[in-house]
Protein backbone atom coordinates (compact mmCIF):
# COMPACT_ATOMS: atom_id res chain seq x y z
CA MET A 1 0.00 0.00 0.00
CA LYS A 2 2.79 2.41 0.92
CA ASN A 3 4.67 1.56 -2.27
CA ALA A 4 1.57 2.19 -4.38
CA LEU A 5 0.97 5.52 -2.65
CA ARG A 6 4.61 6.50 -3.11
CA GLU A 7 4.45 5.63 -6.80
CA LEU A 8 1.24 7.63 -7.22
CA CYS A 9 2.83 10.66 -5.57
CA HIS A 10 5.83 10.28 -7.89
CA TYR A 11 3.61 10.27 -10.98
CA LEU A 12 1.68 13.30 -9.71
CA ASP A 13 4.94 15.14 -9.06
CA VAL A 14 6.20 14.36 -12.56
CA THR A 15 2.90 15.52 -14.05
CA ALA A 16 3.05 18.80 -12.09
CA GLN A 17 6.58 19.45 -13.35
CA VAL A 18 5.57 18.67 -16.94
CA ILE A 19 2.63 21.09 -16.74
CA ARG A 20 4.94 23.75 -15.30
CA MET A 21 7.41 23.31 -18.16
CA ALA A 22 4.60 23.35 -20.73
CA ILE A 23 3.31 26.66 -19.33
CA LEU A 24 6.81 28.16 -19.37
CA THR A 25 7.24 27.05 -22.97
CA VAL A 26 3.97 28.64 -24.02
CA ILE A 27 4.64 32.02 -22.41
CA GLU A 28 7.94 32.20 -24.26
CA TYR A 29 5.89 32.90 -27.40
CA PRO A 30 3.11 35.32 -26.37
CA SER A 31 2.04 36.14 -29.92
CA ASN A 32 1.45 32.45 -30.58
CA ILE A 33 -0.81 32.00 -27.58
CA ALA A 34 -2.60 35.24 -28.51
CA GLY A 35 -3.41 33.78 -31.92
CA TRP A 36 -4.81 30.64 -30.34
CA LEU A 37 -6.84 32.70 -27.86
CA ILE A 38 -8.53 34.43 -30.78
CA SER A 39 -8.97 31.60 -33.29
CA ASN A 40 -9.99 28.70 -31.05
CA PRO A 41 -12.76 30.40 -29.05
CA LEU A 42 -14.04 32.06 -32.22
CA GLN A 43 -14.76 28.78 -34.01
CA PHE A 44 -16.85 27.45 -31.12
CA ILE A 45 -18.68 30.73 -30.58
CA MET A 46 -19.55 30.78 -34.28
CA GLY A 47 -20.75 27.20 -34.08
CA PHE A 48 -23.00 28.08 -31.18
CA ALA A 49 -24.28 31.17 -33.01
CA ILE A 50 -25.35 28.89 -35.87
CA ILE A 51 -27.35 26.78 -33.41
CA LYS A 52 -29.09 29.93 -32.16
CA PHE A 53 -29.93 30.88 -35.74
CA VAL A 54 -31.38 27.41 -36.42
CA VAL A 55 -33.51 27.47 -33.25
CA GLN A 56 -34.80 30.97 -33.93
CA SER A 57 -35.62 30.07 -37.53
CA PHE A 58 -37.07 26.59 -37.14
CA GLY A 59 -37.87 26.17 -33.45
CA GLU A 60 -36.62 23.55 -31.01
CA ILE A 61 -34.26 20.80 -32.14
CA ASN A 62 -35.95 17.49 -31.36
CA GLY A 63 -37.58 18.96 -28.26
CA TRP A 64 -34.49 20.80 -27.00
CA ASN A 65 -34.80 24.56 -26.57
CA TYR A 66 -32.00 27.07 -26.92
CA GLY A 67 -31.00 27.08 -23.24
CA GLN A 68 -30.87 23.28 -23.09
CA LEU A 69 -28.81 23.15 -26.27
CA ALA A 70 -26.41 25.70 -24.76
CA PHE A 71 -25.99 23.45 -21.71
CA LEU A 72 -25.36 20.42 -23.95
CA TYR A 73 -23.00 22.34 -26.23
CA GLY A 74 -21.01 23.71 -23.29
CA ILE A 75 -20.46 20.24 -21.80
CA SER A 76 -19.31 18.95 -25.18
CA VAL A 77 -16.81 21.77 -25.73
CA ILE A 78 -15.40 21.57 -22.17
CA SER A 79 -14.81 17.81 -22.46
CA HIS A 80 -13.32 18.40 -25.91
CA ALA A 81 -10.91 20.97 -24.43
CA LEU A 82 -9.84 18.63 -21.62
CA SER A 83 -9.21 15.82 -24.11
CA MET A 84 -7.15 18.22 -26.23
CA ILE A 85 -5.01 19.09 -23.21
CA PHE A 86 -4.29 15.53 -22.10
CA PHE A 87 -4.98 13.12 -24.98
CA VAL A 88 -4.53 14.89 -28.32
CA GLN A 89 -1.17 13.11 -28.79
CA GLY A 90 -3.17 9.99 -29.61
CA TRP A 91 -3.92 11.55 -32.99
CA PHE A 92 -0.25 11.34 -33.93
CA MET A 93 0.66 7.98 -32.42
CA GLY A 94 1.27 6.49 -35.85
CA TYR A 95 4.18 8.84 -36.48
CA TYR A 96 5.78 7.83 -33.16
CA VAL A 97 5.45 4.16 -34.13
CA ILE A 98 6.88 4.62 -37.63
CA GLU A 99 9.76 6.85 -36.51
CA GLY A 100 10.67 4.68 -33.52
CA GLU A 101 9.96 7.46 -31.02
CA PHE A 102 8.67 5.00 -28.44
CA ASP A 103 12.26 3.89 -27.83
CA ARG A 104 12.85 6.73 -25.39
CA TYR A 105 9.74 5.83 -23.40
CA LEU A 106 10.74 2.18 -23.10
CA THR A 107 14.04 3.09 -21.43
CA ARG A 108 12.50 5.22 -18.66
CA PRO A 109 11.18 3.95 -15.31
CA LEU A 110 7.63 5.18 -15.95
CA GLY A 111 4.63 3.68 -17.71
CA VAL A 112 4.89 4.04 -21.50
CA LEU A 113 1.27 5.12 -21.97
CA TYR A 114 1.60 7.65 -19.17
CA GLN A 115 4.78 9.09 -20.67
CA PHE A 116 3.32 9.33 -24.14
CA PHE A 117 0.39 11.46 -23.00
CA PHE A 118 1.51 13.22 -19.85
CA THR A 119 5.05 14.30 -20.71
CA ASN A 120 3.75 16.47 -23.53
CA ILE A 121 0.77 18.37 -22.13
CA ASN A 122 -1.00 20.48 -24.76
CA ILE A 123 -1.50 23.77 -22.92
CA PHE A 124 -3.06 25.33 -26.02
CA GLY A 125 -6.10 23.16 -25.36
CA VAL A 126 -6.93 25.58 -22.54
CA THR A 127 -8.06 28.06 -25.20
CA ASP A 128 -10.96 25.70 -25.99
CA LEU A 129 -12.09 25.85 -22.36
CA ILE A 130 -12.98 29.53 -22.60
CA PRO A 131 -15.95 29.25 -25.00
CA GLY A 132 -16.99 25.96 -23.41
CA ILE A 133 -17.26 27.44 -19.93
CA LEU A 134 -18.99 30.59 -21.20
CA VAL A 135 -21.64 28.67 -23.14
CA PHE A 136 -22.09 26.17 -20.29
CA VAL A 137 -22.68 28.96 -17.74
CA TYR A 138 -25.05 30.65 -20.17
CA GLY A 139 -26.98 27.39 -20.53
CA CYS A 140 -27.20 27.00 -16.74
CA VAL A 141 -28.61 30.52 -16.44
CA LYS A 142 -31.12 30.04 -19.28
CA CYS A 143 -32.30 26.74 -17.82
CA ARG A 144 -32.39 28.23 -14.31
CA ILE A 145 -30.43 25.33 -12.86
CA PRO A 146 -29.90 25.66 -9.09
CA VAL A 147 -26.20 25.40 -8.28
CA THR A 148 -26.18 22.86 -5.45
CA TRP A 149 -23.42 20.60 -4.17
CA LEU A 150 -25.09 17.69 -5.95
CA PHE A 151 -25.05 19.60 -9.25
CA VAL A 152 -21.37 20.49 -8.84
CA VAL A 153 -20.48 16.84 -8.12
CA GLN A 154 -22.55 15.66 -11.10
CA VAL A 155 -20.81 18.10 -13.45
CA ILE A 156 -17.31 17.18 -12.25
CA VAL A 157 -18.01 13.44 -12.46
CA MET A 158 -19.62 13.85 -15.87
CA LEU A 159 -16.70 15.85 -17.29
CA VAL A 160 -14.11 13.38 -15.98
CA GLY A 161 -16.04 10.51 -17.54
CA ALA A 162 -16.57 12.37 -20.82
CA THR A 163 -12.86 13.21 -21.06
CA LEU A 164 -11.94 9.57 -20.42
CA ILE A 165 -14.32 8.43 -23.16
CA ARG A 166 -12.79 10.82 -25.66
CA GLY A 167 -9.24 9.98 -24.55
CA GLY A 168 -9.92 6.24 -24.69
CA ILE A 169 -11.21 6.54 -28.25
CA TYR A 170 -8.08 8.48 -29.25
CA ILE A 171 -5.90 5.77 -27.72
CA LEU A 172 -7.82 2.98 -29.46
CA LEU A 173 -7.52 4.65 -32.85
CA GLY A 174 -3.89 5.60 -32.34
CA SER A 175 -2.94 2.10 -31.19
CA THR A 176 -4.05 0.62 -34.52
CA SER A 177 -0.71 1.94 -35.85
CA PHE A 178 1.10 -0.85 -33.97
CA TYR A 179 -0.77 -3.37 -36.10
CA THR A 180 -1.00 -1.55 -39.43
CA ARG A 181 2.49 0.06 -39.33
CA SER A 182 0.78 3.10 -40.79
CA ALA A 183 0.87 6.76 -39.80
CA VAL A 184 -2.73 7.45 -40.83
CA ASP A 185 -4.10 10.36 -38.79
CA PHE A 186 -7.65 9.59 -37.64
CA GLY A 187 -7.77 12.63 -35.38
CA GLN A 188 -9.59 15.11 -37.57
CA TYR A 189 -12.14 12.56 -38.76
CA THR A 190 -12.79 11.42 -35.20
CA GLN A 191 -13.19 15.00 -34.02
CA GLU A 192 -15.71 15.75 -36.75
CA ILE A 193 -17.79 12.74 -35.74
CA MET A 194 -17.63 13.67 -32.07
CA ASP A 195 -18.60 17.27 -32.79
CA LYS A 196 -21.69 16.17 -34.65
CA THR A 197 -22.72 13.61 -32.05
CA THR A 198 -21.95 15.39 -28.77
CA MET A 199 -22.95 19.00 -29.48
CA TYR A 200 -26.46 18.02 -30.59
CA PRO A 201 -29.08 15.62 -29.16
CA ILE A 202 -28.41 12.13 -30.52
CA SER A 203 -32.17 11.53 -30.28
CA MET A 204 -32.37 13.40 -33.61
CA TYR A 205 -30.67 10.43 -35.32
CA PRO A 206 -32.34 7.13 -36.34
CA GLU A 207 -32.68 4.50 -33.60
CA SER A 208 -30.02 2.29 -35.16
CA MET A 209 -27.54 5.18 -35.00
CA GLN A 210 -28.57 5.94 -31.41
CA LEU A 211 -27.78 2.35 -30.42
CA ILE A 212 -24.34 2.58 -32.05
CA LEU A 213 -23.60 5.89 -30.31
CA THR A 214 -24.75 4.46 -26.97
CA PHE A 215 -23.21 1.00 -26.83
CA LEU A 216 -20.67 0.50 -29.64
CA ILE A 217 -19.08 3.97 -29.81
CA PRO A 218 -20.38 5.38 -26.52
CA VAL A 219 -20.13 9.10 -27.33
CA GLY A 220 -23.77 9.49 -26.31
CA TRP A 221 -22.52 9.35 -22.72
CA VAL A 222 -20.17 12.28 -23.28
CA SER A 223 -22.92 14.88 -23.09
CA PHE A 224 -26.36 13.79 -24.26
CA TYR A 225 -27.42 11.31 -21.57
CA PRO A 226 -25.92 13.11 -18.54
CA ALA A 227 -27.24 16.47 -19.78
CA SER A 228 -30.68 14.95 -20.31
CA ALA A 229 -30.65 13.59 -16.75
CA ILE A 230 -29.53 16.86 -15.15
CA LEU A 231 -32.04 18.90 -17.15
CA GLY A 232 -34.83 16.44 -16.44
CA ILE A 233 -35.47 15.61 -20.10
CA GLU A 234 -37.08 12.20 -20.37
CA ASN A 235 -34.90 9.51 -21.94
CA GLY A 236 -36.33 6.29 -20.61
CA ILE A 237 -33.91 4.23 -18.51
CA TYR A 238 -31.20 6.85 -18.99
CA ASN A 239 -32.98 9.35 -16.75
CA GLY A 240 -32.01 9.98 -13.13
CA LEU A 241 -29.48 11.53 -10.78
CA PHE A 242 -27.09 8.60 -11.23
CA VAL A 243 -26.61 9.02 -15.00
CA PRO A 244 -23.50 11.28 -14.74
CA PHE A 245 -21.89 8.49 -12.70
CA ILE A 246 -22.67 6.07 -15.53
CA THR A 247 -20.69 8.41 -17.78
CA LEU A 248 -17.73 8.06 -15.42
CA ALA A 249 -18.10 4.26 -15.37
CA VAL A 250 -18.30 4.13 -19.17
CA GLY A 251 -15.22 6.36 -19.40
CA MET A 252 -13.24 4.08 -17.10
CA ILE A 253 -14.29 1.00 -19.08
CA VAL A 254 -13.33 2.62 -22.40
CA MET A 255 -9.98 3.69 -20.94
CA LEU A 256 -9.27 0.20 -19.57
CA ILE A 257 -10.05 -1.36 -22.95
CA ALA A 258 -7.89 1.24 -24.70
CA GLY A 259 -5.01 0.65 -22.27
CA ALA A 260 -5.16 -3.10 -22.83
CA TYR A 261 -5.25 -2.61 -26.60
CA PHE A 262 -2.29 -0.22 -26.43
CA THR A 263 -0.29 -2.65 -24.26
CA ALA A 264 -0.95 -5.51 -26.67
CA GLY A 265 0.06 -3.33 -29.61
CA LEU A 266 3.23 -2.18 -27.87
CA ARG A 267 4.45 -5.79 -27.86
CA LYS A 268 4.45 -5.59 -31.66
CA TYR A 269 6.51 -2.41 -31.66
CA GLU A 270 9.66 -2.96 -33.74
CA SER A 271 11.72 0.03 -32.52
CA ALA A 272 13.94 2.19 -34.71
CA GLY A 273 16.80 -0.31 -34.87
CA ASN A 274 17.37 -3.25 -37.20
């Protein structure tokens, strides 16, 4: 028990130092971060403005009003931002496999998967948090959601689970490079799919697609089901105070599967040598 606690503290200390170095690196180039602070929030604000235009022109989207859509959209963007900070490297795993970059991780006394993601924190992902938080708060105000301790716990649990789901999917897709020996970048395609299925109610899709997005590719748990539960929107068995905790459970399961798949793929890694 003491050894496990000591190891956990060591990993946390390493992570803190990596984040510190990442921040120092970013502030070395203030004009770069300024560009990101303008461009990243703008794309999400514009996307949300389009939703407002659609609602004003055609009415509710599958029973969701503007305030509820803002709440859903905010959750989606916040979890997207967190996944960009911690797991975006999964998009480029194929290049690390092809170029033999995993060699350096295999020689260090830390977990390979941990090193790959947490020794290269993407601080620029923080710029995505700004519009996400703004739209989320706006949605809470429009829906008149009482900010209680239960609500705060639900939101935190939901966001952790949603981030794990996104990160697990990135790991699964990236790990295919161990088997295909290909540097194909699935990141942009995956992000497009997630944007279309987490920023809008998945109930607007056919039932067959809803089943896929619930059980096979569980992105429905990123925002739709927990948001529906918190807002009190009826969704059958997926309604109730416990739904955000299901999101966390689903995220942990996806991450465990992704970790096992990555570990199995790493055994096939051929290194940069002959």
